[in-house]
């Protein structure tokens, strides 16, 4: 499966794509893509029903790309169409892509 796994840079995630952020709550609260769905990797198996029901690709993002790589690998092995967002939210932020925070304060990446 690994040879079939796609990875894209944050700037190459298509507009309107189903973006799933698998970071933990504190990371999400600090700053995330405005259109992302939050589904922490640590709770993924218990919350598979929260993944969108779609034939479209799921783009999986974390902080630097490690957790999203593992989640993408697992999703693809279990019948989903998932693409890893390489470089994660660190690269997303560095690329100047939009970020919003939950709560008070300015968005930043942990």
PDB file of N, CA and C in Angstrom:
ATOM      1  N   UNK A   1       0.810  -1.196   0.000  1.00  0.00           N
ATOM      2  CA  UNK A   1       0.000   0.000   0.000  1.00  0.00           C
ATOM      3  C   UNK A   1       0.859   1.268   0.000  1.00  0.00           C
ATOM      4  N   UNK A   2       1.999   1.232   0.666  1.00  0.00           N
ATOM      5  CA  UNK A   2       2.795   2.444   0.778  1.00  0.00           C
ATOM      6  C   UNK A   2       3.157   3.021  -0.576  1.00  0.00           C
ATOM      7  N   UNK A   3       3.487   2.173  -1.542  1.00  0.00           N
ATOM      8  CA  UNK A   3       3.884   2.692  -2.839  1.00  0.00           C
ATOM      9  C   UNK A   3       2.730   3.398  -3.540  1.00  0.00           C
ATOM     10  N   UNK A   4       1.487   3.103  -3.145  1.00  0.00           N
ATOM     11  CA  UNK A   4       0.325   3.725  -3.758  1.00  0.00           C
ATOM     12  C   UNK A   4      -0.084   5.015  -3.068  1.00  0.00           C
ATOM     13  N   UNK A   5       0.481   5.308  -1.900  1.00  0.00           N
ATOM     14  CA  UNK A   5       0.044   6.461  -1.125  1.00  0.00           C
ATOM     15  C   UNK A   5       0.538   7.765  -1.744  1.00  0.00           C
ATOM     16  N   UNK A   6      -0.388   8.667  -1.922  1.00  0.00           N
ATOM     17  CA  UNK A   6      -0.046   9.978  -2.463  1.00  0.00           C
ATOM     18  C   UNK A   6       0.250  10.950  -1.324  1.00  0.00           C
ATOM     19  N   UNK A   7       1.161  11.858  -1.585  1.00  0.00           N
ATOM     20  CA  UNK A   7       1.451  12.960  -0.681  1.00  0.00           C
ATOM     21  C   UNK A   7       1.460  14.235  -1.507  1.00  0.00           C
ATOM     22  N   UNK A   8       0.822  15.276  -0.983  1.00  0.00           N
ATOM     23  CA  UNK A   8       0.829  16.574  -1.651  1.00  0.00           C
ATOM     24  C   UNK A   8       1.287  17.640  -0.666  1.00  0.00           C
ATOM     25  N   UNK A   9       1.820  18.713  -1.195  1.00  0.00           N
ATOM     26  CA  UNK A   9       2.172  19.869  -0.379  1.00  0.00           C
ATOM     27  C   UNK A   9       0.899  20.614  -0.008  1.00  0.00           C
ATOM     28  N   UNK A  10       0.895  21.317   1.114  1.00  0.00           N
ATOM     29  CA  UNK A  10      -0.305  22.056   1.509  1.00  0.00           C
ATOM     30  C   UNK A  10      -0.848  22.972   0.407  1.00  0.00           C
ATOM     31  N   UNK A  11       0.036  23.632  -0.325  1.00  0.00           N
ATOM     32  CA  UNK A  11      -0.424  24.545  -1.376  1.00  0.00           C
ATOM     33  C   UNK A  11      -1.105  23.819  -2.530  1.00  0.00           C
ATOM     34  N   UNK A  12      -0.949  22.475  -2.586  1.00  0.00           N
ATOM     35  CA  UNK A  12      -1.549  21.680  -3.654  1.00  0.00           C
ATOM     36  C   UNK A  12      -2.843  20.982  -3.242  1.00  0.00           C
ATOM     37  N   UNK A  13      -3.327  21.248  -2.018  1.00  0.00           N
ATOM     38  CA  UNK A  13      -4.626  20.712  -1.603  1.00  0.00           C
ATOM     39  C   UNK A  13      -5.689  21.503  -2.370  1.00  0.00           C
ATOM     40  N   UNK A  14      -6.536  20.818  -3.133  1.00  0.00           N
ATOM     41  CA  UNK A  14      -7.525  21.540  -3.940  1.00  0.00           C
ATOM     42  C   UNK A  14      -8.540  22.298  -3.089  1.00  0.00           C
ATOM     43  N   UNK A  15      -8.976  23.422  -3.598  1.00  0.00           N
ATOM     44  CA  UNK A  15     -10.022  24.183  -2.919  1.00  0.00           C
ATOM     45  C   UNK A  15     -11.269  23.313  -2.821  1.00  0.00           C
ATOM     46  N   UNK A  16     -11.889  23.299  -1.667  1.00  0.00           N
ATOM     47  CA  UNK A  16     -13.089  22.498  -1.464  1.00  0.00           C
ATOM     48  C   UNK A  16     -12.824  21.046  -1.120  1.00  0.00           C
ATOM     49  N   UNK A  17     -11.554  20.668  -0.975  1.00  0.00           N
ATOM     50  CA  UNK A  17     -11.211  19.289  -0.637  1.00  0.00           C
ATOM     51  C   UNK A  17     -11.673  18.956   0.783  1.00  0.00           C
ATOM     52  N   UNK A  18     -11.908  17.688   1.039  1.00  0.00           N
ATOM     53  CA  UNK A  18     -12.237  17.222   2.386  1.00  0.00           C
ATOM     54  C   UNK A  18     -10.929  17.096   3.155  1.00  0.00           C
ATOM     55  N   UNK A  19     -10.632  18.095   3.993  1.00  0.00           N
ATOM     56  CA  UNK A  19      -9.392  18.154   4.760  1.00  0.00           C
ATOM     57  C   UNK A  19      -9.685  17.703   6.188  1.00  0.00           C
ATOM     58  N   UNK A  20      -8.984  16.668   6.633  1.00  0.00           N
ATOM     59  CA  UNK A  20      -9.154  16.118   7.972  1.00  0.00           C
ATOM     60  C   UNK A  20      -7.880  16.398   8.768  1.00  0.00           C
ATOM     61  N   UNK A  21      -8.016  17.157   9.859  1.00  0.00           N
ATOM     62  CA  UNK A  21      -6.888  17.508  10.727  1.00  0.00           C
ATOM     63  C   UNK A  21      -6.848  16.496  11.866  1.00  0.00           C
ATOM     64  N   UNK A  22      -5.760  15.721  11.954  1.00  0.00           N
ATOM     65  CA  UNK A  22      -5.677  14.645  12.939  1.00  0.00           C
ATOM     66  C   UNK A  22      -4.843  15.019  14.173  1.00  0.00           C
ATOM     67  N   UNK A  23      -4.573  16.310  14.357  1.00  0.00           N
ATOM     68  CA  UNK A  23      -3.812  16.748  15.534  1.00  0.00           C
ATOM     69  C   UNK A  23      -4.701  16.727  16.780  1.00  0.00           C
ATOM     70  N   UNK A  24      -4.073  16.849  17.932  1.00  0.00           N
ATOM     71  CA  UNK A  24      -4.799  16.854  19.201  1.00  0.00           C
ATOM     72  C   UNK A  24      -5.472  18.219  19.428  1.00  0.00           C
ATOM     73  N   UNK A  25      -6.364  18.272  20.412  1.00  0.00           N
ATOM     74  CA  UNK A  25      -7.210  19.450  20.632  1.00  0.00           C
ATOM     75  C   UNK A  25      -6.407  20.743  20.816  1.00  0.00           C
ATOM     76  N   UNK A  26      -5.349  20.717  21.622  1.00  0.00           N
ATOM     77  CA  UNK A  26      -4.582  21.945  21.862  1.00  0.00           C
ATOM     78  C   UNK A  26      -3.930  22.454  20.575  1.00  0.00           C
ATOM     79  N   UNK A  27      -3.488  21.537  19.722  1.00  0.00           N
ATOM     80  CA  UNK A  27      -2.898  21.926  18.445  1.00  0.00           C
ATOM     81  C   UNK A  27      -3.960  22.544  17.534  1.00  0.00           C
ATOM     82  N   UNK A  28      -5.125  21.923  17.479  1.00  0.00           N
ATOM     83  CA  UNK A  28      -6.251  22.428  16.686  1.00  0.00           C
ATOM     84  C   UNK A  28      -6.651  23.827  17.158  1.00  0.00           C
ATOM     85  N   UNK A  29      -6.792  23.996  18.487  1.00  0.00           N
ATOM     86  CA  UNK A  29      -7.218  25.276  19.051  1.00  0.00           C
ATOM     87  C   UNK A  29      -6.248  26.394  18.701  1.00  0.00           C
ATOM     88  N   UNK A  30      -4.956  26.069  18.617  1.00  0.00           N
ATOM     89  CA  UNK A  30      -3.934  27.079  18.331  1.00  0.00           C
ATOM     90  C   UNK A  30      -4.024  27.598  16.903  1.00  0.00           C
ATOM     91  N   UNK A  31      -4.456  26.765  15.982  1.00  0.00           N
ATOM     92  CA  UNK A  31      -4.590  27.214  14.603  1.00  0.00           C
ATOM     93  C   UNK A  31      -4.805  26.057  13.653  1.00  0.00           C
ATOM     94  N   UNK A  32      -5.790  26.214  12.769  1.00  0.00           N
ATOM     95  CA  UNK A  32      -6.117  25.167  11.811  1.00  0.00           C
ATOM     96  C   UNK A  32      -6.644  25.786  10.519  1.00  0.00           C
ATOM     97  N   UNK A  33      -6.683  24.990   9.485  1.00  0.00           N
ATOM     98  CA  UNK A  33      -7.250  25.441   8.216  1.00  0.00           C
ATOM     99  C   UNK A  33      -8.743  25.702   8.421  1.00  0.00           C
ATOM    100  N   UNK A  34      -9.266  26.805   7.901  1.00  0.00           N
ATOM    101  CA  UNK A  34     -10.663  27.163   8.138  1.00  0.00           C
ATOM    102  C   UNK A  34     -11.683  26.108   7.709  1.00  0.00           C
ATOM    103  N   UNK A  35     -11.374  25.330   6.690  1.00  0.00           N
ATOM    104  CA  UNK A  35     -12.347  24.356   6.196  1.00  0.00           C
ATOM    105  C   UNK A  35     -12.097  22.938   6.704  1.00  0.00           C
ATOM    106  N   UNK A  36     -11.114  22.760   7.574  1.00  0.00           N
ATOM    107  CA  UNK A  36     -10.758  21.419   8.037  1.00  0.00           C
ATOM    108  C   UNK A  36     -11.783  20.866   9.020  1.00  0.00           C
ATOM    109  N   UNK A  37     -11.868  19.552   9.038  1.00  0.00           N
ATOM    110  CA  UNK A  37     -12.644  18.828  10.039  1.00  0.00           C
ATOM    111  C   UNK A  37     -11.650  18.277  11.044  1.00  0.00           C
ATOM    112  N   UNK A  38     -11.938  18.435  12.330  1.00  0.00           N
ATOM    113  CA  UNK A  38     -11.033  17.954  13.366  1.00  0.00           C
ATOM    114  C   UNK A  38     -11.403  16.533  13.763  1.00  0.00           C
ATOM    115  N   UNK A  39     -10.464  15.620  13.623  1.00  0.00           N
ATOM    116  CA  UNK A  39     -10.646  14.231  14.021  1.00  0.00           C
ATOM    117  C   UNK A  39      -9.290  13.707  14.490  1.00  0.00           C
ATOM    118  N   UNK A  40      -8.973  13.874  15.786  1.00  0.00           N
ATOM    119  CA  UNK A  40      -7.650  13.493  16.281  1.00  0.00           C
ATOM    120  C   UNK A  40      -7.297  12.036  15.977  1.00  0.00           C
ATOM    121  N   UNK A  41      -6.050  11.810  15.620  1.00  0.00           N
ATOM    122  CA  UNK A  41      -5.571  10.456  15.325  1.00  0.00           C
ATOM    123  C   UNK A  41      -5.811   9.530  16.509  1.00  0.00           C
ATOM    124  N   UNK A  42      -5.697  10.058  17.719  1.00  0.00           N
ATOM    125  CA  UNK A  42      -5.863   9.227  18.911  1.00  0.00           C
ATOM    126  C   UNK A  42      -7.288   8.712  19.087  1.00  0.00           C
ATOM    127  N   UNK A  43      -8.254   9.306  18.398  1.00  0.00           N
ATOM    128  CA  UNK A  43      -9.651   8.879  18.516  1.00  0.00           C
ATOM    129  C   UNK A  43     -10.218   8.390  17.186  1.00  0.00           C
ATOM    130  N   UNK A  44      -9.362   8.247  16.196  1.00  0.00           N
ATOM    131  CA  UNK A  44      -9.831   7.918  14.850  1.00  0.00           C
ATOM    132  C   UNK A  44     -10.679   6.648  14.808  1.00  0.00           C
ATOM    133  N   UNK A  45     -10.187   5.574  15.404  1.00  0.00           N
ATOM    134  CA  UNK A  45     -10.900   4.301  15.314  1.00  0.00           C
ATOM    135  C   UNK A  45     -12.290   4.380  15.953  1.00  0.00           C
ATOM    136  N   UNK A  46     -12.420   5.137  17.032  1.00  0.00           N
ATOM    137  CA  UNK A  46     -13.709   5.273  17.702  1.00  0.00           C
ATOM    138  C   UNK A  46     -14.648   6.203  16.939  1.00  0.00           C
ATOM    139  N   UNK A  47     -14.128   6.993  16.015  1.00  0.00           N
ATOM    140  CA  UNK A  47     -14.918   8.024  15.358  1.00  0.00           C
ATOM    141  C   UNK A  47     -14.921   7.934  13.836  1.00  0.00           C
ATOM    142  N   UNK A  48     -14.731   6.744  13.302  1.00  0.00           N
ATOM    143  CA  UNK A  48     -14.737   6.586  11.845  1.00  0.00           C
ATOM    144  C   UNK A  48     -16.049   7.059  11.232  1.00  0.00           C
ATOM    145  N   UNK A  49     -17.135   6.978  12.001  1.00  0.00           N
ATOM    146  CA  UNK A  49     -18.439   7.413  11.494  1.00  0.00           C
ATOM    147  C   UNK A  49     -18.503   8.920  11.269  1.00  0.00           C
ATOM    148  N   UNK A  50     -17.518   9.652  11.781  1.00  0.00           N
ATOM    149  CA  UNK A  50     -17.481  11.098  11.575  1.00  0.00           C
ATOM    150  C   UNK A  50     -16.774  11.499  10.278  1.00  0.00           C
ATOM    151  N   UNK A  51     -16.142  10.539   9.617  1.00  0.00           N
ATOM    152  CA  UNK A  51     -15.537  10.839   8.323  1.00  0.00           C
ATOM    153  C   UNK A  51     -16.655  11.113   7.318  1.00  0.00           C
ATOM    154  N   UNK A  52     -16.438  12.050   6.416  1.00  0.00           N
ATOM    155  CA  UNK A  52     -17.490  12.349   5.440  1.00  0.00           C
ATOM    156  C   UNK A  52     -17.767  11.151   4.535  1.00  0.00           C
ATOM    157  N   UNK A  53     -19.042  10.942   4.250  1.00  0.00           N
ATOM    158  CA  UNK A  53     -19.431   9.877   3.321  1.00  0.00           C
ATOM    159  C   UNK A  53     -19.319  10.444   1.916  1.00  0.00           C
ATOM    160  N   UNK A  54     -18.236  10.098   1.248  1.00  0.00           N
ATOM    161  CA  UNK A  54     -17.957  10.673  -0.059  1.00  0.00           C
ATOM    162  C   UNK A  54     -17.074   9.731  -0.858  1.00  0.00           C
ATOM    163  N   UNK A  55     -17.154   9.860  -2.148  1.00  0.00           N
ATOM    164  CA  UNK A  55     -16.221   9.144  -3.014  1.00  0.00           C
ATOM    165  C   UNK A  55     -14.994   9.991  -3.295  1.00  0.00           C
ATOM    166  N   UNK A  56     -15.003  11.235  -2.823  1.00  0.00           N
ATOM    167  CA  UNK A  56     -13.874  12.135  -3.024  1.00  0.00           C
ATOM    168  C   UNK A  56     -12.724  11.755  -2.099  1.00  0.00           C
ATOM    169  N   UNK A  57     -11.531  12.181  -2.465  1.00  0.00           N
ATOM    170  CA  UNK A  57     -10.357  11.946  -1.641  1.00  0.00           C
ATOM    171  C   UNK A  57     -10.475  12.697  -0.318  1.00  0.00           C
ATOM    172  N   UNK A  58      -9.896  12.097   0.715  1.00  0.00           N
ATOM    173  CA  UNK A  58      -9.751  12.757   2.007  1.00  0.00           C
ATOM    174  C   UNK A  58      -8.299  13.200   2.111  1.00  0.00           C
ATOM    175  N   UNK A  59      -8.071  14.455   2.426  1.00  0.00           N
ATOM    176  CA  UNK A  59      -6.723  14.984   2.607  1.00  0.00           C
ATOM    177  C   UNK A  59      -6.454  15.035   4.102  1.00  0.00           C
ATOM    178  N   UNK A  60      -5.390  14.369   4.545  1.00  0.00           N
ATOM    179  CA  UNK A  60      -5.102  14.190   5.961  1.00  0.00           C
ATOM    180  C   UNK A  60      -3.897  15.041   6.340  1.00  0.00           C
ATOM    181  N   UNK A  61      -4.081  15.884   7.372  1.00  0.00           N
ATOM    182  CA  UNK A  61      -3.019  16.804   7.790  1.00  0.00           C
ATOM    183  C   UNK A  61      -2.794  16.694   9.297  1.00  0.00           C
ATOM    184  N   UNK A  62      -1.535  16.861   9.711  1.00  0.00           N
ATOM    185  CA  UNK A  62      -1.185  16.942  11.128  1.00  0.00           C
ATOM    186  C   UNK A  62      -0.230  18.129  11.294  1.00  0.00           C
ATOM    187  N   UNK A  63       0.685  18.055  12.218  1.00  0.00           N
ATOM    188  CA  UNK A  63       1.598  19.180  12.432  1.00  0.00           C
ATOM    189  C   UNK A  63       2.727  19.209  11.407  1.00  0.00           C
ATOM    190  N   UNK A  64       3.408  18.056  11.234  1.00  0.00           N
ATOM    191  CA  UNK A  64       4.558  18.037  10.322  1.00  0.00           C
ATOM    192  C   UNK A  64       4.464  16.970   9.237  1.00  0.00           C
ATOM    193  N   UNK A  65       3.508  16.083   9.329  1.00  0.00           N
ATOM    194  CA  UNK A  65       3.313  15.065   8.305  1.00  0.00           C
ATOM    195  C   UNK A  65       3.474  13.633   8.771  1.00  0.00           C
ATOM    196  N   UNK A  66       3.953  13.400   9.987  1.00  0.00           N
ATOM    197  CA  UNK A  66       4.168  12.045  10.486  1.00  0.00           C
ATOM    198  C   UNK A  66       2.885  11.317  10.846  1.00  0.00           C
ATOM    199  N   UNK A  67       2.064  11.936  11.698  1.00  0.00           N
ATOM    200  CA  UNK A  67       0.800  11.300  12.081  1.00  0.00           C
ATOM    201  C   UNK A  67      -0.122  11.175  10.882  1.00  0.00           C
ATOM    202  N   UNK A  68      -0.146  12.201  10.044  1.00  0.00           N
ATOM    203  CA  UNK A  68      -1.027  12.140   8.869  1.00  0.00           C
ATOM    204  C   UNK A  68      -0.578  11.036   7.917  1.00  0.00           C
ATOM    205  N   UNK A  69       0.722  10.795   7.834  1.00  0.00           N
ATOM    206  CA  UNK A  69       1.241   9.703   7.007  1.00  0.00           C
ATOM    207  C   UNK A  69       0.692   8.373   7.511  1.00  0.00           C
ATOM    208  N   UNK A  70       0.763   8.159   8.824  1.00  0.00           N
ATOM    209  CA  UNK A  70       0.285   6.912   9.417  1.00  0.00           C
ATOM    210  C   UNK A  70      -1.225   6.762   9.245  1.00  0.00           C
ATOM    211  N   UNK A  71      -1.977   7.834   9.490  1.00  0.00           N
ATOM    212  CA  UNK A  71      -3.431   7.781   9.347  1.00  0.00           C
ATOM    213  C   UNK A  71      -3.807   7.530   7.893  1.00  0.00           C
ATOM    214  N   UNK A  72      -3.151   8.208   6.967  1.00  0.00           N
ATOM    215  CA  UNK A  72      -3.422   8.024   5.543  1.00  0.00           C
ATOM    216  C   UNK A  72      -3.160   6.578   5.137  1.00  0.00           C
ATOM    217  N   UNK A  73      -2.057   6.038   5.600  1.00  0.00           N
ATOM    218  CA  UNK A  73      -1.706   4.654   5.307  1.00  0.00           C
ATOM    219  C   UNK A  73      -2.803   3.712   5.813  1.00  0.00           C
ATOM    220  N   UNK A  74      -3.270   3.916   7.042  1.00  0.00           N
ATOM    221  CA  UNK A  74      -4.304   3.067   7.620  1.00  0.00           C
ATOM    222  C   UNK A  74      -5.626   3.216   6.862  1.00  0.00           C
ATOM    223  N   UNK A  75      -6.016   4.455   6.571  1.00  0.00           N
ATOM    224  CA  UNK A  75      -7.271   4.685   5.851  1.00  0.00           C
ATOM    225  C   UNK A  75      -7.254   4.002   4.485  1.00  0.00           C
ATOM    226  N   UNK A  76      -6.164   4.147   3.755  1.00  0.00           N
ATOM    227  CA  UNK A  76      -6.064   3.529   2.433  1.00  0.00           C
ATOM    228  C   UNK A  76      -6.117   2.007   2.528  1.00  0.00           C
ATOM    229  N   UNK A  77      -5.514   1.442   3.563  1.00  0.00           N
ATOM    230  CA  UNK A  77      -5.523  -0.010   3.743  1.00  0.00           C
ATOM    231  C   UNK A  77      -6.910  -0.525   4.124  1.00  0.00           C
ATOM    232  N   UNK A  78      -7.779   0.396   4.551  1.00  0.00           N
ATOM    233  CA  UNK A  78      -9.115   0.014   4.996  1.00  0.00           C
ATOM    234  C   UNK A  78     -10.222   0.564   4.106  1.00  0.00           C
ATOM    235  N   UNK A  79      -9.892   0.796   2.857  1.00  0.00           N
ATOM    236  CA  UNK A  79     -10.911   1.099   1.876  1.00  0.00           C
ATOM    237  C   UNK A  79     -11.233   2.562   1.627  1.00  0.00           C
ATOM    238  N   UNK A  80     -10.541   3.465   2.286  1.00  0.00           N
ATOM    239  CA  UNK A  80     -10.763   4.889   2.054  1.00  0.00           C
ATOM    240  C   UNK A  80      -9.807   5.388   0.978  1.00  0.00           C
ATOM    241  N   UNK A  81     -10.118   6.518   0.399  1.00  0.00           N
ATOM    242  CA  UNK A  81      -9.229   7.186  -0.563  1.00  0.00           C
ATOM    243  C   UNK A  81      -8.640   8.391   0.149  1.00  0.00           C
ATOM    244  N   UNK A  82      -7.428   8.250   0.687  1.00  0.00           N
ATOM    245  CA  UNK A  82      -6.815   9.306   1.485  1.00  0.00           C
ATOM    246  C   UNK A  82      -5.482   9.726   0.885  1.00  0.00           C
ATOM    247  N   UNK A  83      -5.171  11.009   1.051  1.00  0.00           N
ATOM    248  CA  UNK A  83      -3.927  11.605   0.566  1.00  0.00           C
ATOM    249  C   UNK A  83      -3.280  12.342   1.728  1.00  0.00           C
ATOM    250  N   UNK A  84      -1.999  12.097   1.946  1.00  0.00           N
ATOM    251  CA  UNK A  84      -1.246  12.746   3.008  1.00  0.00           C
ATOM    252  C   UNK A  84      -0.868  14.173   2.597  1.00  0.00           C
ATOM    253  N   UNK A  85      -1.020  15.109   3.522  1.00  0.00           N
ATOM    254  CA  UNK A  85      -0.565  16.482   3.300  1.00  0.00           C
ATOM    255  C   UNK A  85       0.822  16.590   3.933  1.00  0.00           C
ATOM    256  N   UNK A  86       1.849  16.478   3.094  1.00  0.00           N
ATOM    257  CA  UNK A  86       3.235  16.497   3.555  1.00  0.00           C
ATOM    258  C   UNK A  86       3.620  17.850   4.136  1.00  0.00           C
ATOM    259  N   UNK A  87       4.406  17.821   5.195  1.00  0.00           N
ATOM    260  CA  UNK A  87       4.833  19.054   5.850  1.00  0.00           C
ATOM    261  C   UNK A  87       3.827  19.586   6.847  1.00  0.00           C
ATOM    262  N   UNK A  88       2.600  19.085   6.772  1.00  0.00           N
ATOM    263  CA  UNK A  88       1.572  19.403   7.750  1.00  0.00           C
ATOM    264  C   UNK A  88       1.254  20.885   7.900  1.00  0.00           C
ATOM    265  N   UNK A  89       0.711  21.208   9.063  1.00  0.00           N
ATOM    266  CA  UNK A  89       0.306  22.585   9.334  1.00  0.00           C
ATOM    267  C   UNK A  89       1.507  23.517   9.475  1.00  0.00           C
ATOM    268  N   UNK A  90       2.664  22.981   9.812  1.00  0.00           N
ATOM    269  CA  UNK A  90       3.871  23.819   9.826  1.00  0.00           C
ATOM    270  C   UNK A  90       4.109  24.400   8.438  1.00  0.00           C
ATOM    271  N   UNK A  91       4.082  23.531   7.421  1.00  0.00           N
ATOM    272  CA  UNK A  91       4.287  24.008   6.047  1.00  0.00           C
ATOM    273  C   UNK A  91       3.087  24.824   5.566  1.00  0.00           C
ATOM    274  N   UNK A  92       1.892  24.448   5.993  1.00  0.00           N
ATOM    275  CA  UNK A  92       0.679  25.214   5.652  1.00  0.00           C
ATOM    276  C   UNK A  92       0.867  26.667   6.087  1.00  0.00           C
ATOM    277  N   UNK A  93       1.279  26.855   7.341  1.00  0.00           N
ATOM    278  CA  UNK A  93       1.507  28.180   7.915  1.00  0.00           C
ATOM    279  C   UNK A  93       2.611  28.918   7.157  1.00  0.00           C
ATOM    280  N   UNK A  94       3.728  28.224   6.915  1.00  0.00           N
ATOM    281  CA  UNK A  94       4.867  28.841   6.214  1.00  0.00           C
ATOM    282  C   UNK A  94       4.516  29.217   4.775  1.00  0.00           C
ATOM    283  N   UNK A  95       3.543  28.515   4.185  1.00  0.00           N
ATOM    284  CA  UNK A  95       3.116  28.802   2.812  1.00  0.00           C
ATOM    285  C   UNK A  95       2.148  29.980   2.736  1.00  0.00           C
ATOM    286  N   UNK A  96       1.759  30.515   3.889  1.00  0.00           N
ATOM    287  CA  UNK A  96       0.852  31.659   3.908  1.00  0.00           C
ATOM    288  C   UNK A  96      -0.603  31.303   3.648  1.00  0.00           C
ATOM    289  N   UNK A  97      -0.948  30.028   3.798  1.00  0.00           N
ATOM    290  CA  UNK A  97      -2.334  29.608   3.601  1.00  0.00           C
ATOM    291  C   UNK A  97      -3.171  30.030   4.813  1.00  0.00           C
ATOM    292  N   UNK A  98      -4.486  30.177   4.654  1.00  0.00           N
ATOM    293  CA  UNK A  98      -5.314  30.694   5.744  1.00  0.00           C
ATOM    294  C   UNK A  98      -5.356  29.751   6.954  1.00  0.00           C
ATOM    295  N   UNK A  99      -5.334  30.383   8.127  1.00  0.00           N
ATOM    296  CA  UNK A  99      -5.402  29.664   9.401  1.00  0.00           C
ATOM    297  C   UNK A  99      -6.321  30.451  10.320  1.00  0.00           C
ATOM    298  N   UNK A 100      -7.127  29.724  11.097  1.00  0.00           N
ATOM    299  CA  UNK A 100      -7.950  30.369  12.117  1.00  0.00           C
ATOM    300  C   UNK A 100      -7.755  29.631  13.434  1.00  0.00           C
ATOM    301  N   UNK A 101      -8.042  30.333  14.525  1.00  0.00           N
ATOM    302  CA  UNK A 101      -7.911  29.736  15.861  1.00  0.00           C
ATOM    303  C   UNK A 101      -9.277  29.642  16.499  1.00  0.00           C
ATOM    304  N   UNK A 102      -9.444  28.690  17.389  1.00  0.00           N
ATOM    305  CA  UNK A 102     -10.652  28.603  18.207  1.00  0.00           C
ATOM    306  C   UNK A 102     -10.413  29.388  19.476  1.00  0.00           C
ATOM    307  N   UNK A 103     -11.405  30.116  19.936  1.00  0.00           N
ATOM    308  CA  UNK A 103     -11.250  30.896  21.157  1.00  0.00           C
ATOM    309  C   UNK A 103     -10.654  32.257  20.848  1.00  0.00           C
ATOM    310  N   UNK A 104     -10.076  32.860  21.884  1.00  0.00           N
ATOM    311  CA  UNK A 104      -9.499  34.190  21.766  1.00  0.00           C
ATOM    312  C   UNK A 104      -8.064  34.117  21.262  1.00  0.00           C
ATOM    313  N   UNK A 105      -7.646  35.167  20.634  1.00  0.00           N
ATOM    314  CA  UNK A 105      -6.253  35.262  20.249  1.00  0.00           C
ATOM    315  C   UNK A 105      -6.016  34.973  18.780  1.00  0.00           C
ATOM    316  N   UNK A 106      -4.792  35.234  18.400  1.00  0.00           N
ATOM    317  CA  UNK A 106      -4.357  35.060  17.010  1.00  0.00           C
ATOM    318  C   UNK A 106      -3.897  33.622  16.789  1.00  0.00           C
ATOM    319  N   UNK A 107      -4.128  33.125  15.612  1.00  0.00           N
ATOM    320  CA  UNK A 107      -3.749  31.749  15.288  1.00  0.00           C
ATOM    321  C   UNK A 107      -2.226  31.609  15.216  1.00  0.00           C
ATOM    322  N   UNK A 108      -1.739  30.514  15.711  1.00  0.00           N
ATOM    323  CA  UNK A 108      -0.334  30.153  15.587  1.00  0.00           C
ATOM    324  C   UNK A 108      -0.279  28.630  15.571  1.00  0.00           C
ATOM    325  N   UNK A 109       0.830  28.103  15.170  1.00  0.00           N
ATOM    326  CA  UNK A 109       0.966  26.661  15.078  1.00  0.00           C
ATOM    327  C   UNK A 109       1.872  26.163  16.203  1.00  0.00           C
ATOM    328  N   UNK A 110       1.379  25.162  16.946  1.00  0.00           N
ATOM    329  CA  UNK A 110       2.176  24.538  18.012  1.00  0.00           C
ATOM    330  C   UNK A 110       3.147  23.553  17.418  1.00  0.00           C
TER     331      UNK A 110
END
